[in-house]
Protein backbone atom coordinates (compact mmCIF):
# COMPACT_ATOMS: atom_id res chain seq x y z
CA MET A 1 6.24 142.87 106.62
CA SER A 2 7.81 142.12 103.25
CA TYR A 3 4.59 141.53 101.50
CA PRO A 4 1.78 144.12 101.79
CA GLN A 5 -0.83 141.32 101.42
CA VAL A 6 0.32 139.78 104.64
CA VAL A 7 -1.09 141.61 107.69
CA SER A 8 0.09 139.21 110.38
CA PRO A 9 2.11 135.91 109.92
CA ILE A 10 1.20 132.87 111.95
CA THR A 11 4.33 131.71 113.58
CA GLY A 12 5.00 128.42 115.32
CA ILE A 13 5.70 128.81 118.99
CA LEU A 14 6.63 125.75 121.20
CA ASN A 15 8.52 127.46 124.01
CA GLU A 16 9.52 130.73 125.53
CA LYS A 17 12.84 130.96 123.49
CA GLU A 18 10.78 130.71 120.23
CA VAL A 19 8.46 133.48 121.46
CA GLU A 20 11.40 135.71 122.09
CA GLY A 21 12.93 134.90 118.70
CA ASN A 22 9.67 135.69 116.94
CA ILE A 23 9.46 139.04 118.68
CA ILE A 24 13.09 139.95 117.74
CA VAL A 25 12.48 139.00 114.10
CA SER A 26 9.17 140.88 113.88
CA ASN A 27 10.91 144.07 115.04
CA LEU A 28 13.56 143.88 112.33
CA GLY A 29 11.30 145.23 109.64
CA PRO A 30 10.71 144.07 106.07
CA LEU A 31 13.30 142.24 104.01
CA GLU A 32 15.07 143.96 101.22
CA ALA A 33 14.11 143.01 97.66
CA SER A 34 17.46 141.27 97.11
CA GLN A 35 16.89 139.15 100.24
CA ILE A 36 13.47 138.14 99.02
CA ARG A 37 14.83 137.14 95.59
CA GLU A 38 17.60 135.08 97.26
CA LEU A 39 15.09 133.31 99.45
CA GLN A 40 12.72 132.61 96.55
CA LYS A 41 15.59 131.16 94.50
CA ALA A 42 16.66 128.89 97.32
CA TYR A 43 13.10 127.74 97.83
CA GLN A 44 12.63 126.92 94.13
CA GLU A 45 15.96 125.01 94.05
CA THR A 46 15.25 122.94 97.21
CA ARG A 47 12.68 120.20 97.80
CA PHE A 48 11.88 119.53 101.32
CA LEU A 49 10.93 116.03 102.58
CA ILE A 50 9.83 114.59 105.84
CA LYS A 51 11.38 111.21 106.36
CA ASN A 52 11.25 109.41 109.70
CA ASN A 53 9.80 112.53 111.35
CA THR A 54 12.92 114.55 110.31
CA LEU A 55 12.82 117.43 107.79
CA LYS A 56 15.45 116.98 105.11
CA SER A 57 16.24 119.12 102.08
CA VAL A 58 17.17 117.65 98.74
CA GLN A 59 18.65 119.83 95.99
CA HIS A 60 16.39 120.04 92.98
CA HIS A 61 18.00 120.57 89.56
CA GLY A 62 15.66 121.36 86.77
């Protein structure tokens, strides 16, 4: 895990392919600090909206 406060993530699983994907990702180990910073930056710069039952991202500036 990348955060010591997280013991076990709750992942969404709708089918067998997603189960396999979650297992693969969990075996990769924690993210590097640079990867976490990059993800945090992207999260802060993007707003996510659900419109017509579809997830869309909108770039946020400011």
